[in-house]
C-alpha cells in the first residue's frame, strides 16, 4: 500500500467575498460548519448573467496561475497529478451537491485515498457565485489570505485540482497539495 500518515497537514478555507476564512491548522481538519449563505459581491468583476462553466478549463487555469505565482517567488512549480485531482473533484462535487457542507470535512480520508506516499499535505477550498472567471476569483482570494498563501507557497511538489458547479450556479473549487516521498 502506498499510503503514509502525513507528518504535517495544513488546511485553509475561503468563501470568496464573504470574509469567512479559517487559518492554517496543522494536523487537523476544520470542523466549523458554514452555512451556505448568499455571497455578497466586493468585486467589480461580478456578473449577474448565468455563466457557462467548463470545469476542466477552470482547473487548468488554477494550476497555471498557482505555478506562475510560485515561479515568480523562486519556488519550484508543482506537477499536476490525476490521482490527486480525482479526490479534489470528488470533494468539490460533494460540496456542490450538498452531500457535505462547504468545509474540509473528510480531508484526512481524501489524502489517504490517494495512492501516493507523502510527507505533508494541504488543501485550499473556495466557493463563489456569479463571477465571469471563478478560478481567477478563487486564486486572487487565496493569494490575499495568509493561510491559503502559506499552502500555495508551501514545500509541496504535487497538486490536484477539482471544480464542480450546481444548478444554482455555485462554483466549488478544491486544490490539494502534497509533498511526495518518505
C-alpha atoms as a PDB file:
ATOM      1  CA  UNK A   1       0.000   0.000   0.000  1.00  0.00           C
ATOM      2  CA  UNK A   2       1.340   3.434  -0.931  1.00  0.00           C
ATOM      3  CA  UNK A   3      -0.258   5.478   1.828  1.00  0.00           C
ATOM      4  CA  UNK A   4       1.688   7.083   4.612  1.00  0.00           C
ATOM      5  CA  UNK A   5       0.490   9.136   7.536  1.00  0.00           C
ATOM      6  CA  UNK A   6       1.207  12.798   6.956  1.00  0.00           C
ATOM      7  CA  UNK A   7       3.662  14.478   9.289  1.00  0.00           C
ATOM      8  CA  UNK A   8       2.084  17.826   8.624  1.00  0.00           C
ATOM      9  CA  UNK A   9      -1.330  18.737   7.311  1.00  0.00           C
ATOM     10  CA  UNK A  10      -2.349  22.317   6.657  1.00  0.00           C
ATOM     11  CA  UNK A  11      -5.841  23.431   5.731  1.00  0.00           C
ATOM     12  CA  UNK A  12      -7.494  26.635   4.683  1.00  0.00           C
ATOM     13  CA  UNK A  13     -10.993  27.583   3.662  1.00  0.00           C
ATOM     14  CA  UNK A  14     -12.346  30.628   1.899  1.00  0.00           C
ATOM     15  CA  UNK A  15     -15.770  31.830   0.866  1.00  0.00           C
ATOM     16  CA  UNK A  16     -14.908  34.462  -1.665  1.00  0.00           C
ATOM     17  CA  UNK A  17     -16.214  37.949  -0.973  1.00  0.00           C
ATOM     18  CA  UNK A  18     -17.837  36.966   2.302  1.00  0.00           C
ATOM     19  CA  UNK A  19     -14.842  37.374   4.548  1.00  0.00           C
ATOM     20  CA  UNK A  20     -15.195  33.929   6.104  1.00  0.00           C
ATOM     21  CA  UNK A  21     -11.955  32.008   6.403  1.00  0.00           C
ATOM     22  CA  UNK A  22     -10.113  29.638   8.634  1.00  0.00           C
ATOM     23  CA  UNK A  23      -6.420  29.706   9.261  1.00  0.00           C
ATOM     24  CA  UNK A  24      -3.718  27.169   8.627  1.00  0.00           C
ATOM     25  CA  UNK A  25      -4.347  24.352  11.129  1.00  0.00           C
ATOM     26  CA  UNK A  26      -1.611  21.697  11.119  1.00  0.00           C
ATOM     27  CA  UNK A  27      -2.724  18.192  11.940  1.00  0.00           C
ATOM     28  CA  UNK A  28      -6.480  18.570  11.854  1.00  0.00           C
ATOM     29  CA  UNK A  29      -9.369  19.332   9.609  1.00  0.00           C
ATOM     30  CA  UNK A  30     -11.767  22.194  10.045  1.00  0.00           C
ATOM     31  CA  UNK A  31     -14.874  21.201  11.940  1.00  0.00           C
ATOM     32  CA  UNK A  32     -16.567  24.567  11.655  1.00  0.00           C
ATOM     33  CA  UNK A  33     -19.796  24.172   9.720  1.00  0.00           C
ATOM     34  CA  UNK A  34     -20.571  27.051   7.431  1.00  0.00           C
ATOM     35  CA  UNK A  35     -23.994  27.867   6.256  1.00  0.00           C
ATOM     36  CA  UNK A  36     -24.365  28.352   2.538  1.00  0.00           C
ATOM     37  CA  UNK A  37     -25.455  31.957   2.854  1.00  0.00           C
ATOM     38  CA  UNK A  38     -25.684  34.205  -0.125  1.00  0.00           C
ATOM     39  CA  UNK A  39     -22.290  35.592  -1.107  1.00  0.00           C
ATOM     40  CA  UNK A  40     -22.124  39.388  -1.321  1.00  0.00           C
ATOM     41  CA  UNK A  41     -20.048  40.929  -4.071  1.00  0.00           C
ATOM     42  CA  UNK A  42     -16.994  43.013  -3.211  1.00  0.00           C
ATOM     43  CA  UNK A  43     -15.607  42.963  -6.752  1.00  0.00           C
ATOM     44  CA  UNK A  44     -16.390  44.807  -9.950  1.00  0.00           C
ATOM     45  CA  UNK A  45     -15.843  41.540 -11.825  1.00  0.00           C
ATOM     46  CA  UNK A  46     -19.116  40.112 -10.557  1.00  0.00           C
ATOM     47  CA  UNK A  47     -21.655  39.411 -13.272  1.00  0.00           C
ATOM     48  CA  UNK A  48     -25.372  38.863 -12.962  1.00  0.00           C
ATOM     49  CA  UNK A  49     -25.992  36.710 -16.024  1.00  0.00           C
ATOM     50  CA  UNK A  50     -25.561  32.937 -15.841  1.00  0.00           C
ATOM     51  CA  UNK A  51     -22.003  31.922 -16.632  1.00  0.00           C
ATOM     52  CA  UNK A  52     -21.149  28.795 -18.607  1.00  0.00           C
ATOM     53  CA  UNK A  53     -18.572  26.858 -16.614  1.00  0.00           C
ATOM     54  CA  UNK A  54     -16.204  24.263 -18.071  1.00  0.00           C
ATOM     55  CA  UNK A  55     -14.631  22.626 -15.034  1.00  0.00           C
ATOM     56  CA  UNK A  56     -11.527  21.303 -16.766  1.00  0.00           C
ATOM     57  CA  UNK A  57     -10.686  24.771 -18.104  1.00  0.00           C
ATOM     58  CA  UNK A  58     -11.054  26.260 -14.624  1.00  0.00           C
ATOM     59  CA  UNK A  59      -8.874  23.529 -13.127  1.00  0.00           C
ATOM     60  CA  UNK A  60      -6.154  24.191 -15.709  1.00  0.00           C
ATOM     61  CA  UNK A  61      -6.413  27.941 -15.098  1.00  0.00           C
ATOM     62  CA  UNK A  62      -5.918  27.480 -11.336  1.00  0.00           C
ATOM     63  CA  UNK A  63      -2.963  25.167 -11.943  1.00  0.00           C
ATOM     64  CA  UNK A  64      -1.311  27.633 -14.325  1.00  0.00           C
ATOM     65  CA  UNK A  65      -1.974  30.651 -12.058  1.00  0.00           C
ATOM     66  CA  UNK A  66      -0.592  28.919  -8.963  1.00  0.00           C
ATOM     67  CA  UNK A  67       2.533  27.767 -10.801  1.00  0.00           C
ATOM     68  CA  UNK A  68       3.041  31.242 -12.268  1.00  0.00           C
ATOM     69  CA  UNK A  69       2.850  32.673  -8.763  1.00  0.00           C
ATOM     70  CA  UNK A  70       5.252  30.069  -7.364  1.00  0.00           C
ATOM     71  CA  UNK A  71       7.745  30.717 -10.180  1.00  0.00           C
ATOM     72  CA  UNK A  72       7.551  34.483  -9.523  1.00  0.00           C
ATOM     73  CA  UNK A  73       8.641  33.788  -5.926  1.00  0.00           C
ATOM     74  CA  UNK A  74      11.502  31.479  -6.956  1.00  0.00           C
ATOM     75  CA  UNK A  75       9.612  28.361  -5.848  1.00  0.00           C
ATOM     76  CA  UNK A  76       9.566  25.161  -7.893  1.00  0.00           C
ATOM     77  CA  UNK A  77       6.489  24.520  -9.983  1.00  0.00           C
ATOM     78  CA  UNK A  78       4.022  21.871  -8.873  1.00  0.00           C
ATOM     79  CA  UNK A  79       3.235  18.865 -11.028  1.00  0.00           C
ATOM     80  CA  UNK A  80      -0.425  18.140 -11.698  1.00  0.00           C
ATOM     81  CA  UNK A  81      -1.428  14.639 -10.656  1.00  0.00           C
ATOM     82  CA  UNK A  82      -4.621  12.993 -11.903  1.00  0.00           C
ATOM     83  CA  UNK A  83      -4.991  10.841  -8.764  1.00  0.00           C
ATOM     84  CA  UNK A  84      -4.887  13.925  -6.540  1.00  0.00           C
ATOM     85  CA  UNK A  85      -7.243  15.803  -8.893  1.00  0.00           C
ATOM     86  CA  UNK A  86      -9.729  12.936  -8.686  1.00  0.00           C
ATOM     87  CA  UNK A  87     -10.010  13.365  -4.905  1.00  0.00           C
ATOM     88  CA  UNK A  88     -10.253  17.160  -5.247  1.00  0.00           C
ATOM     89  CA  UNK A  89     -13.084  16.768  -7.800  1.00  0.00           C
ATOM     90  CA  UNK A  90     -14.975  14.344  -5.597  1.00  0.00           C
ATOM     91  CA  UNK A  91     -14.763  16.816  -2.698  1.00  0.00           C
ATOM     92  CA  UNK A  92     -15.940  19.741  -4.849  1.00  0.00           C
ATOM     93  CA  UNK A  93     -18.795  17.637  -6.260  1.00  0.00           C
ATOM     94  CA  UNK A  94     -19.885  16.549  -2.785  1.00  0.00           C
ATOM     95  CA  UNK A  95     -19.977  20.161  -1.601  1.00  0.00           C
ATOM     96  CA  UNK A  96     -21.804  21.334  -4.749  1.00  0.00           C
ATOM     97  CA  UNK A  97     -24.394  18.553  -4.376  1.00  0.00           C
ATOM     98  CA  UNK A  98     -24.919  19.310  -0.683  1.00  0.00           C
ATOM     99  CA  UNK A  99     -23.653  15.892   0.450  1.00  0.00           C
ATOM    100  CA  UNK A 100     -21.236  17.643   2.790  1.00  0.00           C
ATOM    101  CA  UNK A 101     -21.010  21.257   3.966  1.00  0.00           C
ATOM    102  CA  UNK A 102     -18.546  23.695   2.455  1.00  0.00           C
ATOM    103  CA  UNK A 103     -15.568  22.675   4.584  1.00  0.00           C
ATOM    104  CA  UNK A 104     -12.507  20.478   4.854  1.00  0.00           C
ATOM    105  CA  UNK A 105     -14.641  17.668   6.213  1.00  0.00           C
ATOM    106  CA  UNK A 106     -13.007  14.333   5.327  1.00  0.00           C
ATOM    107  CA  UNK A 107      -9.618  15.807   4.412  1.00  0.00           C
ATOM    108  CA  UNK A 108      -7.614  13.015   6.056  1.00  0.00           C
ATOM    109  CA  UNK A 109      -9.754  10.436   4.276  1.00  0.00           C
ATOM    110  CA  UNK A 110      -9.247  12.213   0.925  1.00  0.00           C
ATOM    111  CA  UNK A 111      -5.473  12.290   1.146  1.00  0.00           C
ATOM    112  CA  UNK A 112      -5.356   8.728   2.478  1.00  0.00           C
ATOM    113  CA  UNK A 113      -7.281   7.596  -0.602  1.00  0.00           C
ATOM    114  CA  UNK A 114      -4.557   8.954  -2.895  1.00  0.00           C
ATOM    115  CA  UNK A 115      -2.166   6.059  -3.658  1.00  0.00           C
ATOM    116  CA  UNK A 116       0.973   8.185  -3.238  1.00  0.00           C
ATOM    117  CA  UNK A 117       3.430   8.234  -0.349  1.00  0.00           C
ATOM    118  CA  UNK A 118       3.514  11.732   1.058  1.00  0.00           C
ATOM    119  CA  UNK A 119       5.191  13.647   3.869  1.00  0.00           C
ATOM    120  CA  UNK A 120       2.774  16.526   4.090  1.00  0.00           C
ATOM    121  CA  UNK A 121      -0.496  17.657   2.578  1.00  0.00           C
ATOM    122  CA  UNK A 122      -2.638  20.770   2.469  1.00  0.00           C
ATOM    123  CA  UNK A 123      -5.927  21.859   0.972  1.00  0.00           C
ATOM    124  CA  UNK A 124      -7.439  25.133  -0.186  1.00  0.00           C
ATOM    125  CA  UNK A 125     -11.181  25.311  -0.752  1.00  0.00           C
ATOM    126  CA  UNK A 126     -13.193  28.138  -2.286  1.00  0.00           C
ATOM    127  CA  UNK A 127     -16.802  28.834  -3.136  1.00  0.00           C
ATOM    128  CA  UNK A 128     -18.140  31.567  -5.337  1.00  0.00           C
ATOM    129  CA  UNK A 129     -21.190  32.546  -7.319  1.00  0.00           C
ATOM    130  CA  UNK A 130     -21.742  34.798 -10.303  1.00  0.00           C
ATOM    131  CA  UNK A 131     -18.192  35.632 -11.346  1.00  0.00           C
ATOM    132  CA  UNK A 132     -17.184  35.543 -15.007  1.00  0.00           C
ATOM    133  CA  UNK A 133     -13.923  33.809 -14.022  1.00  0.00           C
ATOM    134  CA  UNK A 134     -14.441  31.759 -10.834  1.00  0.00           C
ATOM    135  CA  UNK A 135     -10.897  30.363 -10.974  1.00  0.00           C
ATOM    136  CA  UNK A 136      -9.333  33.822 -11.065  1.00  0.00           C
ATOM    137  CA  UNK A 137     -11.518  34.906  -8.124  1.00  0.00           C
ATOM    138  CA  UNK A 138     -10.505  31.849  -6.102  1.00  0.00           C
ATOM    139  CA  UNK A 139      -6.790  32.283  -6.769  1.00  0.00           C
ATOM    140  CA  UNK A 140      -6.939  36.033  -6.022  1.00  0.00           C
ATOM    141  CA  UNK A 141      -8.729  35.294  -2.743  1.00  0.00           C
ATOM    142  CA  UNK A 142      -6.232  32.585  -1.790  1.00  0.00           C
ATOM    143  CA  UNK A 143      -3.268  34.857  -2.538  1.00  0.00           C
ATOM    144  CA  UNK A 144      -4.693  37.526  -0.201  1.00  0.00           C
ATOM    145  CA  UNK A 145      -5.347  35.091   2.649  1.00  0.00           C
ATOM    146  CA  UNK A 146      -2.376  34.221   4.902  1.00  0.00           C
ATOM    147  CA  UNK A 147      -3.460  30.601   5.475  1.00  0.00           C
ATOM    148  CA  UNK A 148      -4.145  29.901   1.815  1.00  0.00           C
ATOM    149  CA  UNK A 149      -0.973  31.665   0.743  1.00  0.00           C
ATOM    150  CA  UNK A 150       1.061  29.520   3.143  1.00  0.00           C
ATOM    151  CA  UNK A 151      -0.317  26.438   1.395  1.00  0.00           C
ATOM    152  CA  UNK A 152       0.422  27.865  -2.058  1.00  0.00           C
ATOM    153  CA  UNK A 153       3.996  28.735  -1.058  1.00  0.00           C
ATOM    154  CA  UNK A 154       4.461  25.505   0.922  1.00  0.00           C
ATOM    155  CA  UNK A 155       7.084  22.829   0.403  1.00  0.00           C
ATOM    156  CA  UNK A 156       4.907  20.765  -1.930  1.00  0.00           C
ATOM    157  CA  UNK A 157       5.761  19.205  -5.276  1.00  0.00           C
ATOM    158  CA  UNK A 158       2.405  17.839  -6.455  1.00  0.00           C
ATOM    159  CA  UNK A 159      -1.121  19.144  -6.692  1.00  0.00           C
ATOM    160  CA  UNK A 160      -4.586  18.192  -7.800  1.00  0.00           C
ATOM    161  CA  UNK A 161      -7.494  20.496  -8.543  1.00  0.00           C
ATOM    162  CA  UNK A 162     -11.217  19.849  -8.743  1.00  0.00           C
ATOM    163  CA  UNK A 163     -14.047  22.187  -9.683  1.00  0.00           C
ATOM    164  CA  UNK A 164     -17.784  21.494  -9.543  1.00  0.00           C
ATOM    165  CA  UNK A 165     -20.923  23.550 -10.018  1.00  0.00           C
ATOM    166  CA  UNK A 166     -24.534  23.016  -9.077  1.00  0.00           C
ATOM    167  CA  UNK A 167     -27.873  24.079 -10.540  1.00  0.00           C
ATOM    168  CA  UNK A 168     -27.812  27.325  -8.501  1.00  0.00           C
ATOM    169  CA  UNK A 169     -24.621  28.367 -10.316  1.00  0.00           C
ATOM    170  CA  UNK A 170     -22.451  27.946  -7.215  1.00  0.00           C
ATOM    171  CA  UNK A 171     -18.856  27.034  -8.039  1.00  0.00           C
ATOM    172  CA  UNK A 172     -16.840  24.912  -5.595  1.00  0.00           C
ATOM    173  CA  UNK A 173     -13.081  24.701  -6.011  1.00  0.00           C
ATOM    174  CA  UNK A 174     -10.652  22.402  -4.204  1.00  0.00           C
ATOM    175  CA  UNK A 175      -6.871  22.300  -4.515  1.00  0.00           C
ATOM    176  CA  UNK A 176      -4.914  19.606  -2.696  1.00  0.00           C
ATOM    177  CA  UNK A 177      -1.145  19.943  -2.250  1.00  0.00           C
ATOM    178  CA  UNK A 178       1.195  17.021  -1.492  1.00  0.00           C
ATOM    179  CA  UNK A 179       4.863  16.650  -0.762  1.00  0.00           C
ATOM    180  CA  UNK A 180       5.638  13.171  -2.048  1.00  0.00           C
ATOM    181  CA  UNK A 181       8.344  10.984  -0.576  1.00  0.00           C
ATOM    182  CA  UNK A 182       9.155   9.061   2.515  1.00  0.00           C
END
